[in-house]
Amino acid sequence: MIFPDYRPRRMRSNDNFRRMVRETRLGVEDLILPLFAIGGRNVKNPIDSMPGHFQLSLDNLVTVAREAGELRIPAIMLFGIPDKKDALGTAAYDKNGIVQQAVKAVKDKVPDLAVITDVCLCQYTDHGHCGVVEGRTIDNDASLDLLARVAVSHARAGADMVAPSDMMDGRVAEIRNSLDENNYDHIPIMAYSAKYHSAYYGPFRQAAHSAPQFGDRRTYQMDPANALEAIREAAMDIEEGADIIMVKPALSYLDIICRIREEIDLPVAAYNVSGEFAMIKAAEKMGWIDGTKVMLETLTSIKRAGADMILTYFAIEAAKALRAQ
């Protein structure tokens, strides 16, 4: 098919034709909204690097969750900011912990909204790492039981899905076994399977108060230079019982999303992370870009790469923009 016999512009000549041949369709049902829960009442602490997002007390968090449900966003992802931290992150699996309380509050007031919980220790440990620290080393195997306790406590509180983000080896199997042993075999696991040691997480760490107090996370998060390793990580998590495979971040790893989509037949999630959100917001504020158009183009690119669902701080804005189309 070559010019002049084939003229691709024929099918671009009007909006009806363009919609008819559109290959990738971004919908509200593709979106998951991350939210940050904190103690207190009527608390709405702005996150400076993430305009429009806040650390929310449960009353305000429920209000935002209700708005998400009304916009037909199918799910939220909960992160917690505890009022105390210690070396073992005990607040992460406390039955009265902030995420456990947030799950109950949302399921009570917005029962049809799916609640996914982040399973990690970094927000809850005084050292800021995602596992147990021995000296200055993160002890992989000693961390597994604690992560499983977190997941079970979230399920017990009413979470619909758990999402381990720690990147400890073997944690999916440990969590799956613990959930099953406690009669939560119906709770799916969204595994952060290909989570890279990325510079794009800065705004999140401000929001969640989760920056490591020494060193960094490159001994457990993936090297940004690696691709085949992502396939191995995803395959291992599938063998251990994962129901959804996640790639994080999204934009600099569209090739990883695509490769995992081609290699596996489970649903694939991608996390459009805080740094990606912040860059678009900053450029929009400067008047350099049309923020809404760049947001939708960005999310469409993630969907086009192969993601079945997208965790994004743009979820509410995107839902409103899609509704207006």
Foldseek 3Di string as FASTA:
>chain_A
DDPPVDDVCVQVVDDVSCVVPPDFDDALQQEEEEAEEEADPPDFADLVLFPPHGHDHLVVVLVVLVLSVVLVNQEYEYDYQFPAAAQALVLLLPLPHRLLVNQLSNCVRPVRHAYEYEQFRLNRHPQLAGAHDDPNDHDQVNGQVVSLSNLCSNVVSPHQEYEYDRQRPPNLLSNCVSCVVVVNNNHAYEYAQQFAQDPLAVSVCSRSVRAGNDDGRPVRHDHLVDQVVSLVSVVSSVVSGHQEYEYPAQPSCLVNLLVNLVVDDHAYEHEPHSSNSSVLVVCVVVVNDDSLVVVVVRVSSSVVSPHSHYYYNCSSVNSVVVVVD
